[in-house]
Each structure stands twice: as structure tokens, then as C-alpha cells.
Amino acid sequence: MKGQYLAIEYLLFFAIGIVMVLSVYLTFTEINANIREDSSTIQMQKVGELIRSSIVNIYETGEATNSAINYKLSIPPVLSGHNYIIRYDTTKNNLNINSTQNFKIGDVLNVYNINIKSTNIIYSTNGVLNIKYDLGEVVLS
């Protein structure tokens, strides 16, 4: 019995070490997930502002010059490791930008009662958003 306490002591120290390593790993994994979600939300807000300001500028320019405009807006295909979708809600006149992996991550932007039509859901994987203006109407594709 005298020699067994060393084996039990080493086994307990090893188990405590494993528990400590796992707890540190899980803690940092959770912190990483929270920071990534927050940065994704902020990045989607900024991309949404870019899209909305481009729509407003194209609409104002088209109205002032009475001309047809076809503009290709370059957007990032991935934000913080997430692909995202751009969808226009005609009932509420809102532009929705959401992650494809987690729909809680995203933003909703009002587009100031501009007459907009959209072709279903636009995915970010292309890296380009087509904005067309003609006769008082903006078309997103």
C-alpha cells in the first residue's frame, strides 16, 4: 500500500491537467465564437450601408439626368467566414442582409421609399451586385 500512493498521485495530477487544458480550450473557443459573431454583424451593417448608399446615389443620379444606369457594385463574397444573402422586402421597403449559416447575424436597412424590384434572393458568392435604374425604378440582381 505504501508504493501505490505515487501512482494515484500521478494519475490525479494527470487528470487535473487534462481538465485544465479542456477548460482553457472551451473558454477560448466560446470567446472566439462571440467575437466572430460580433464582427460579422458589424461587417454586414457596413456592407448594407454600402449597398443602400449606392442605391440612393444611382437613384438620385438617374432622376436628375433622366437616363438609364447599369452599375455593378463589388461586394465581398465572404464576411468573417460566412456567406450572406441580400433580400429586398417589398412589404416593409427594407433591405435585409443575413448570414447563410446563422440568420441571427445580419442587418435590416430602410431604403427611403425608393421604388425597388429584386430578383429573389441575391447570394454574396458572386462578389457582384447589379444595380439597374430605368424610368424611376431600381432593379437589384
N, C-alpha and C. Protein backbone atom coordinates (compact mmCIF):
# COMPACT_ATOMS: atom_id res chain seq x y z
N MET A 1 0.81 -1.18 0.00
CA MET A 1 0.00 0.00 0.00
C MET A 1 0.87 1.26 0.00
N LYS A 2 2.12 1.13 0.51
CA LYS A 2 2.97 2.30 0.61
C LYS A 2 3.39 2.83 -0.77
N GLY A 3 3.58 2.01 -1.74
CA GLY A 3 4.04 2.45 -3.06
C GLY A 3 2.93 2.86 -4.00
N GLN A 4 1.70 2.60 -3.65
CA GLN A 4 0.59 2.90 -4.55
C GLN A 4 0.18 4.37 -4.52
N TYR A 5 0.52 5.09 -3.48
CA TYR A 5 0.10 6.48 -3.40
C TYR A 5 0.75 7.32 -4.50
N LEU A 6 1.96 6.98 -4.95
CA LEU A 6 2.61 7.70 -6.03
C LEU A 6 1.86 7.52 -7.35
N ALA A 7 1.42 6.33 -7.65
CA ALA A 7 0.67 6.09 -8.88
C ALA A 7 -0.66 6.84 -8.85
N ILE A 8 -1.33 6.82 -7.72
CA ILE A 8 -2.61 7.53 -7.59
C ILE A 8 -2.38 9.03 -7.69
N GLU A 9 -1.31 9.51 -7.07
CA GLU A 9 -0.99 10.95 -7.13
C GLU A 9 -0.73 11.39 -8.56
N TYR A 10 0.07 10.63 -9.32
CA TYR A 10 0.37 10.97 -10.71
C TYR A 10 -0.89 10.92 -11.57
N LEU A 11 -1.73 9.95 -11.31
CA LEU A 11 -2.98 9.83 -12.05
C LEU A 11 -3.89 11.02 -11.79
N LEU A 12 -3.98 11.45 -10.54
CA LEU A 12 -4.80 12.62 -10.21
C LEU A 12 -4.23 13.90 -10.84
N PHE A 13 -2.92 14.09 -10.78
CA PHE A 13 -2.30 15.26 -11.40
C PHE A 13 -2.53 15.26 -12.91
N PHE A 14 -2.42 14.09 -13.52
CA PHE A 14 -2.67 13.99 -14.96
C PHE A 14 -4.12 14.34 -15.28
N ALA A 15 -5.08 13.84 -14.51
CA ALA A 15 -6.50 14.13 -14.72
C ALA A 15 -6.78 15.62 -14.53
N ILE A 16 -6.18 16.22 -13.50
CA ILE A 16 -6.37 17.66 -13.28
C ILE A 16 -5.79 18.46 -14.44
N GLY A 17 -4.66 18.05 -14.95
CA GLY A 17 -4.06 18.71 -16.11
C GLY A 17 -4.95 18.63 -17.34
N ILE A 18 -5.52 17.47 -17.59
CA ILE A 18 -6.43 17.30 -18.73
C ILE A 18 -7.66 18.20 -18.58
N VAL A 19 -8.22 18.25 -17.39
CA VAL A 19 -9.39 19.11 -17.13
C VAL A 19 -9.03 20.57 -17.35
N MET A 20 -7.87 20.99 -16.91
CA MET A 20 -7.45 22.39 -17.10
C MET A 20 -7.27 22.71 -18.59
N VAL A 21 -6.64 21.83 -19.33
CA VAL A 21 -6.44 22.06 -20.76
C VAL A 21 -7.78 22.15 -21.48
N LEU A 22 -8.69 21.23 -21.17
CA LEU A 22 -10.02 21.26 -21.79
C LEU A 22 -10.79 22.53 -21.43
N SER A 23 -10.72 22.96 -20.19
CA SER A 23 -11.45 24.16 -19.79
C SER A 23 -10.89 25.40 -20.48
N VAL A 24 -9.59 25.51 -20.62
CA VAL A 24 -8.99 26.64 -21.33
C VAL A 24 -9.39 26.61 -22.80
N TYR A 25 -9.34 25.43 -23.41
CA TYR A 25 -9.74 25.30 -24.82
C TYR A 25 -11.19 25.70 -25.03
N LEU A 26 -12.09 25.20 -24.20
CA LEU A 26 -13.51 25.54 -24.35
C LEU A 26 -13.77 27.02 -24.10
N THR A 27 -13.07 27.61 -23.14
CA THR A 27 -13.24 29.04 -22.87
C THR A 27 -12.83 29.87 -24.08
N PHE A 28 -11.66 29.58 -24.65
CA PHE A 28 -11.21 30.35 -25.79
C PHE A 28 -12.05 30.08 -27.04
N THR A 29 -12.58 28.90 -27.18
CA THR A 29 -13.48 28.61 -28.31
C THR A 29 -14.75 29.45 -28.20
N GLU A 30 -15.30 29.57 -27.01
CA GLU A 30 -16.51 30.38 -26.81
C GLU A 30 -16.23 31.86 -27.04
N ILE A 31 -15.10 32.34 -26.57
CA ILE A 31 -14.72 33.74 -26.80
C ILE A 31 -14.55 34.00 -28.29
N ASN A 32 -13.92 33.08 -29.01
CA ASN A 32 -13.74 33.20 -30.45
C ASN A 32 -15.07 33.26 -31.17
N ALA A 33 -16.02 32.43 -30.79
CA ALA A 33 -17.33 32.42 -31.43
C ALA A 33 -18.07 33.74 -31.19
N ASN A 34 -17.99 34.27 -29.99
CA ASN A 34 -18.66 35.54 -29.69
C ASN A 34 -18.04 36.70 -30.46
N ILE A 35 -16.72 36.75 -30.52
CA ILE A 35 -16.05 37.83 -31.25
C ILE A 35 -16.34 37.72 -32.74
N ARG A 36 -16.36 36.51 -33.26
CA ARG A 36 -16.64 36.31 -34.69
C ARG A 36 -18.07 36.74 -35.04
N GLU A 37 -19.03 36.42 -34.17
CA GLU A 37 -20.41 36.82 -34.42
C GLU A 37 -20.56 38.34 -34.38
N ASP A 38 -19.93 38.98 -33.41
CA ASP A 38 -19.99 40.44 -33.32
C ASP A 38 -19.34 41.11 -34.53
N SER A 39 -18.19 40.62 -34.95
CA SER A 39 -17.53 41.22 -36.10
C SER A 39 -18.31 40.97 -37.39
N SER A 40 -18.96 39.82 -37.50
CA SER A 40 -19.80 39.54 -38.67
C SER A 40 -20.97 40.50 -38.74
N THR A 41 -21.60 40.76 -37.60
CA THR A 41 -22.73 41.69 -37.57
C THR A 41 -22.29 43.08 -37.99
N ILE A 42 -21.18 43.55 -37.47
CA ILE A 42 -20.69 44.88 -37.83
C ILE A 42 -20.33 44.95 -39.31
N GLN A 43 -19.68 43.91 -39.83
CA GLN A 43 -19.31 43.90 -41.24
C GLN A 43 -20.55 43.89 -42.14
N MET A 44 -21.59 43.14 -41.75
CA MET A 44 -22.81 43.12 -42.55
C MET A 44 -23.52 44.46 -42.50
N GLN A 45 -23.45 45.16 -41.38
CA GLN A 45 -24.01 46.51 -41.31
C GLN A 45 -23.29 47.44 -42.28
N LYS A 46 -21.98 47.34 -42.34
CA LYS A 46 -21.19 48.20 -43.23
C LYS A 46 -21.46 47.88 -44.70
N VAL A 47 -21.57 46.60 -45.03
CA VAL A 47 -21.89 46.22 -46.42
C VAL A 47 -23.30 46.70 -46.77
N GLY A 48 -24.23 46.59 -45.82
CA GLY A 48 -25.58 47.09 -46.05
C GLY A 48 -25.61 48.58 -46.30
N GLU A 49 -24.83 49.33 -45.55
CA GLU A 49 -24.73 50.77 -45.76
C GLU A 49 -24.14 51.08 -47.13
N LEU A 50 -23.15 50.29 -47.56
CA LEU A 50 -22.56 50.47 -48.89
C LEU A 50 -23.60 50.24 -49.97
N ILE A 51 -24.38 49.18 -49.84
CA ILE A 51 -25.40 48.87 -50.84
C ILE A 51 -26.49 49.94 -50.85
N ARG A 52 -26.96 50.33 -49.66
CA ARG A 52 -28.01 51.34 -49.58
C ARG A 52 -27.54 52.68 -50.14
N SER A 53 -26.33 53.10 -49.81
CA SER A 53 -25.84 54.38 -50.33
C SER A 53 -25.66 54.32 -51.85
N SER A 54 -25.24 53.16 -52.37
CA SER A 54 -25.11 53.01 -53.83
C SER A 54 -26.48 53.09 -54.50
N ILE A 55 -27.49 52.47 -53.90
CA ILE A 55 -28.84 52.52 -54.46
C ILE A 55 -29.35 53.96 -54.48
N VAL A 56 -29.15 54.68 -53.38
CA VAL A 56 -29.62 56.07 -53.30
C VAL A 56 -28.88 56.94 -54.31
N ASN A 57 -27.56 56.78 -54.42
CA ASN A 57 -26.79 57.58 -55.38
C ASN A 57 -27.22 57.30 -56.82
N ILE A 58 -27.43 56.05 -57.15
CA ILE A 58 -27.85 55.70 -58.51
C ILE A 58 -29.24 56.23 -58.79
N TYR A 59 -30.13 56.12 -57.82
CA TYR A 59 -31.49 56.63 -57.99
C TYR A 59 -31.47 58.15 -58.19
N GLU A 60 -30.74 58.87 -57.36
CA GLU A 60 -30.69 60.33 -57.48
C GLU A 60 -30.05 60.76 -58.80
N THR A 61 -29.00 60.08 -59.21
CA THR A 61 -28.34 60.41 -60.48
C THR A 61 -29.27 60.13 -61.66
N GLY A 62 -29.95 58.99 -61.63
CA GLY A 62 -30.88 58.65 -62.70
C GLY A 62 -32.05 59.62 -62.78
N GLU A 63 -32.57 60.04 -61.64
CA GLU A 63 -33.67 61.01 -61.62
C GLU A 63 -33.20 62.37 -62.13
N ALA A 64 -32.00 62.78 -61.74
CA ALA A 64 -31.50 64.10 -62.14
C ALA A 64 -31.15 64.15 -63.63
N THR A 65 -30.61 63.07 -64.17
CA THR A 65 -30.18 63.08 -65.57
C THR A 65 -31.20 62.45 -66.51
N ASN A 66 -32.24 61.82 -65.95
CA ASN A 66 -33.28 61.15 -66.74
C ASN A 66 -32.65 60.15 -67.71
N SER A 67 -31.78 59.28 -67.17
CA SER A 67 -31.09 58.30 -68.00
C SER A 67 -31.14 56.93 -67.35
N ALA A 68 -30.83 55.92 -68.14
CA ALA A 68 -30.76 54.55 -67.63
C ALA A 68 -29.34 54.29 -67.13
N ILE A 69 -29.24 53.64 -65.98
CA ILE A 69 -27.94 53.36 -65.38
C ILE A 69 -27.85 51.87 -65.07
N ASN A 70 -26.72 51.28 -65.42
CA ASN A 70 -26.42 49.88 -65.08
C ASN A 70 -25.09 49.88 -64.33
N TYR A 71 -25.13 49.55 -63.04
CA TYR A 71 -23.95 49.64 -62.18
C TYR A 71 -23.66 48.29 -61.54
N LYS A 72 -22.42 47.88 -61.58
CA LYS A 72 -22.00 46.64 -60.92
C LYS A 72 -21.22 47.01 -59.67
N LEU A 73 -21.83 46.74 -58.53
CA LEU A 73 -21.21 47.04 -57.25
C LEU A 73 -20.44 45.82 -56.76
N SER A 74 -19.17 46.00 -56.49
CA SER A 74 -18.33 44.91 -55.99
C SER A 74 -18.54 44.79 -54.48
N ILE A 75 -18.95 43.59 -54.05
CA ILE A 75 -19.17 43.33 -52.64
C ILE A 75 -18.30 42.15 -52.21
N PRO A 76 -17.93 42.09 -50.95
CA PRO A 76 -17.12 40.93 -50.51
C PRO A 76 -17.95 39.65 -50.53
N PRO A 77 -17.40 38.57 -51.09
CA PRO A 77 -18.17 37.32 -51.14
C PRO A 77 -18.33 36.64 -49.78
N VAL A 78 -17.41 36.90 -48.85
CA VAL A 78 -17.44 36.25 -47.54
C VAL A 78 -17.11 37.30 -46.48
N LEU A 79 -17.88 37.29 -45.39
CA LEU A 79 -17.60 38.17 -44.25
C LEU A 79 -17.38 37.31 -43.01
N SER A 80 -16.20 37.37 -42.44
CA SER A 80 -15.84 36.59 -41.25
C SER A 80 -16.14 35.11 -41.42
N GLY A 81 -15.86 34.60 -42.60
CA GLY A 81 -16.07 33.18 -42.86
C GLY A 81 -17.51 32.81 -43.19
N HIS A 82 -18.40 33.78 -43.30
CA HIS A 82 -19.81 33.50 -43.60
C HIS A 82 -20.19 34.05 -44.97
N ASN A 83 -20.85 33.23 -45.78
CA ASN A 83 -21.53 33.76 -46.96
C ASN A 83 -22.80 34.45 -46.47
N TYR A 84 -23.32 35.36 -47.24
CA TYR A 84 -24.52 36.08 -46.82
C TYR A 84 -25.46 36.29 -47.99
N ILE A 85 -26.70 36.63 -47.65
CA ILE A 85 -27.72 36.88 -48.68
C ILE A 85 -28.19 38.32 -48.57
N ILE A 86 -28.63 38.83 -49.72
CA ILE A 86 -29.22 40.17 -49.79
C ILE A 86 -30.64 39.97 -50.31
N ARG A 87 -31.60 40.44 -49.55
CA ARG A 87 -33.00 40.26 -49.92
C ARG A 87 -33.74 41.56 -49.70
N TYR A 88 -34.61 41.92 -50.65
CA TYR A 88 -35.40 43.13 -50.52
C TYR A 88 -36.83 42.75 -50.14
N ASP A 89 -37.33 43.32 -49.06
CA ASP A 89 -38.68 43.07 -48.57
C ASP A 89 -39.59 44.18 -49.09
N THR A 90 -40.45 43.85 -50.05
CA THR A 90 -41.30 44.87 -50.68
C THR A 90 -42.39 45.37 -49.75
N THR A 91 -42.85 44.55 -48.82
CA THR A 91 -43.94 44.98 -47.94
C THR A 91 -43.48 46.04 -46.94
N LYS A 92 -42.26 45.91 -46.45
CA LYS A 92 -41.76 46.86 -45.45
C LYS A 92 -40.74 47.84 -46.03
N ASN A 93 -40.41 47.69 -47.32
CA ASN A 93 -39.44 48.56 -48.00
C ASN A 93 -38.08 48.51 -47.30
N ASN A 94 -37.65 47.30 -46.94
CA ASN A 94 -36.39 47.10 -46.23
C ASN A 94 -35.43 46.22 -47.02
N LEU A 95 -34.17 46.48 -46.84
CA LEU A 95 -33.11 45.66 -47.40
C LEU A 95 -32.56 44.79 -46.28
N ASN A 96 -32.65 43.47 -46.44
CA ASN A 96 -32.19 42.53 -45.41
C ASN A 96 -30.89 41.89 -45.85
N ILE A 97 -29.92 41.87 -44.94
CA ILE A 97 -28.65 41.21 -45.19
C ILE A 97 -28.44 40.24 -44.03
N ASN A 98 -28.36 38.94 -44.36
CA ASN A 98 -28.22 37.91 -43.33
C ASN A 98 -27.19 36.87 -43.72
N SER A 99 -26.56 36.28 -42.72
CA SER A 99 -25.62 35.19 -42.92
C SER A 99 -26.38 33.94 -43.35
N THR A 100 -25.78 33.13 -44.20
CA THR A 100 -26.44 31.89 -44.60
C THR A 100 -26.29 30.80 -43.55
N GLN A 101 -25.27 30.90 -42.68
CA GLN A 101 -25.07 29.89 -41.65
C GLN A 101 -25.88 30.18 -40.39
N ASN A 102 -26.09 31.46 -40.06
CA ASN A 102 -26.79 31.84 -38.85
C ASN A 102 -27.63 33.08 -39.14
N PHE A 103 -28.95 32.91 -39.25
CA PHE A 103 -29.81 34.02 -39.64
C PHE A 103 -29.96 35.08 -38.56
N LYS A 104 -29.44 34.82 -37.34
CA LYS A 104 -29.44 35.87 -36.31
C LYS A 104 -28.42 36.95 -36.65
N ILE A 105 -27.40 36.59 -37.43
CA ILE A 105 -26.37 37.54 -37.80
C ILE A 105 -26.82 38.27 -39.06
N GLY A 106 -26.98 39.58 -38.96
CA GLY A 106 -27.39 40.35 -40.12
C GLY A 106 -27.88 41.73 -39.74
N ASP A 107 -28.49 42.40 -40.73
CA ASP A 107 -28.96 43.77 -40.53
C ASP A 107 -30.14 44.03 -41.44
N VAL A 108 -30.99 44.97 -41.02
CA VAL A 108 -32.15 45.40 -41.80
C VAL A 108 -32.02 46.90 -42.02
N LEU A 109 -32.10 47.34 -43.29
CA LEU A 109 -31.94 48.75 -43.63
C LEU A 109 -33.14 49.26 -44.41
N ASN A 110 -33.61 50.45 -44.07
CA ASN A 110 -34.69 51.09 -44.80
C ASN A 110 -34.10 51.80 -46.01
N VAL A 111 -34.80 51.76 -47.15
CA VAL A 111 -34.27 52.37 -48.37
C VAL A 111 -35.09 53.58 -48.83
N TYR A 112 -35.70 54.27 -47.92
CA TYR A 112 -36.28 55.61 -48.14
C TYR A 112 -37.34 55.67 -49.24
N ASN A 113 -38.23 54.71 -49.30
CA ASN A 113 -39.35 54.70 -50.25
C ASN A 113 -38.93 54.83 -51.71
N ILE A 114 -37.80 54.26 -52.05
CA ILE A 114 -37.37 54.20 -53.45
C ILE A 114 -38.04 52.98 -54.07
N ASN A 115 -38.55 53.11 -55.28
CA ASN A 115 -39.21 52.02 -55.98
C ASN A 115 -38.15 51.00 -56.41
N ILE A 116 -38.11 49.88 -55.69
CA ILE A 116 -37.08 48.86 -55.93
C ILE A 116 -37.74 47.53 -56.26
N LYS A 117 -37.18 46.85 -57.22
CA LYS A 117 -37.56 45.47 -57.52
C LYS A 117 -36.32 44.61 -57.39
N SER A 118 -36.52 43.40 -56.91
CA SER A 118 -35.39 42.50 -56.73
C SER A 118 -35.74 41.12 -57.28
N THR A 119 -34.73 40.47 -57.82
CA THR A 119 -34.92 39.12 -58.32
C THR A 119 -34.60 38.14 -57.21
N ASN A 120 -35.62 37.76 -56.45
CA ASN A 120 -35.48 36.78 -55.37
C ASN A 120 -34.38 37.14 -54.39
N ILE A 121 -33.62 36.14 -53.99
CA ILE A 121 -32.53 36.31 -53.03
C ILE A 121 -31.22 36.40 -53.81
N ILE A 122 -30.38 37.35 -53.42
CA ILE A 122 -29.09 37.53 -54.07
C ILE A 122 -28.02 37.00 -53.11
N TYR A 123 -27.22 36.07 -53.58
CA TYR A 123 -26.16 35.48 -52.76
C TYR A 123 -24.86 36.24 -52.98
N SER A 124 -24.05 36.30 -51.94
CA SER A 124 -22.80 37.07 -51.99
C SER A 124 -21.68 36.33 -52.72
N THR A 125 -21.88 35.08 -53.06
CA THR A 125 -20.79 34.27 -53.61
C THR A 125 -20.25 34.81 -54.93
N ASN A 126 -21.06 35.55 -55.69
CA ASN A 126 -20.59 36.13 -56.94
C ASN A 126 -19.63 37.29 -56.71
N GLY A 127 -19.78 38.01 -55.61
CA GLY A 127 -18.94 39.17 -55.34
C GLY A 127 -19.37 40.41 -56.07
N VAL A 128 -20.52 40.36 -56.76
CA VAL A 128 -21.02 41.50 -57.53
C VAL A 128 -22.52 41.63 -57.32
N LEU A 129 -22.98 42.86 -57.16
CA LEU A 129 -24.40 43.18 -57.08
C LEU A 129 -24.72 44.12 -58.23
N ASN A 130 -25.62 43.70 -59.12
CA ASN A 130 -26.03 44.54 -60.24
C ASN A 130 -27.17 45.45 -59.80
N ILE A 131 -26.97 46.75 -60.00
CA ILE A 131 -28.00 47.74 -59.68
C ILE A 131 -28.34 48.46 -60.98
N LYS A 132 -29.60 48.36 -61.39
CA LYS A 132 -30.04 49.00 -62.64
C LYS A 132 -31.10 50.04 -62.33
N TYR A 133 -31.02 51.19 -62.98
CA TYR A 133 -32.03 52.23 -62.84
C TYR A 133 -32.59 52.53 -64.22
N ASP A 134 -33.91 52.59 -64.30
CA ASP A 134 -34.58 52.98 -65.54
C ASP A 134 -36.00 53.41 -65.23
N LEU A 135 -36.36 54.60 -65.67
CA LEU A 135 -37.72 55.14 -65.54
C LEU A 135 -38.24 55.12 -64.10
N GLY A 136 -37.44 55.61 -63.16
CA GLY A 136 -37.88 55.74 -61.78
C GLY A 136 -37.89 54.45 -60.97
N GLU A 137 -37.26 53.42 -61.48
CA GLU A 137 -37.27 52.12 -60.80
C GLU A 137 -35.85 51.57 -60.71
N VAL A 138 -35.52 51.03 -59.54
CA VAL A 138 -34.22 50.40 -59.32
C VAL A 138 -34.43 48.90 -59.26
N VAL A 139 -33.60 48.15 -59.99
CA VAL A 139 -33.68 46.69 -60.02
C VAL A 139 -32.38 46.12 -59.48
N LEU A 140 -32.50 45.27 -58.47
CA LEU A 140 -31.33 44.58 -57.90
C LEU A 140 -31.27 43.16 -58.43
N SER A 141 -30.08 42.75 -58.85
CA SER A 141 -29.91 41.36 -59.31
C SER A 141 -28.49 40.89 -59.06
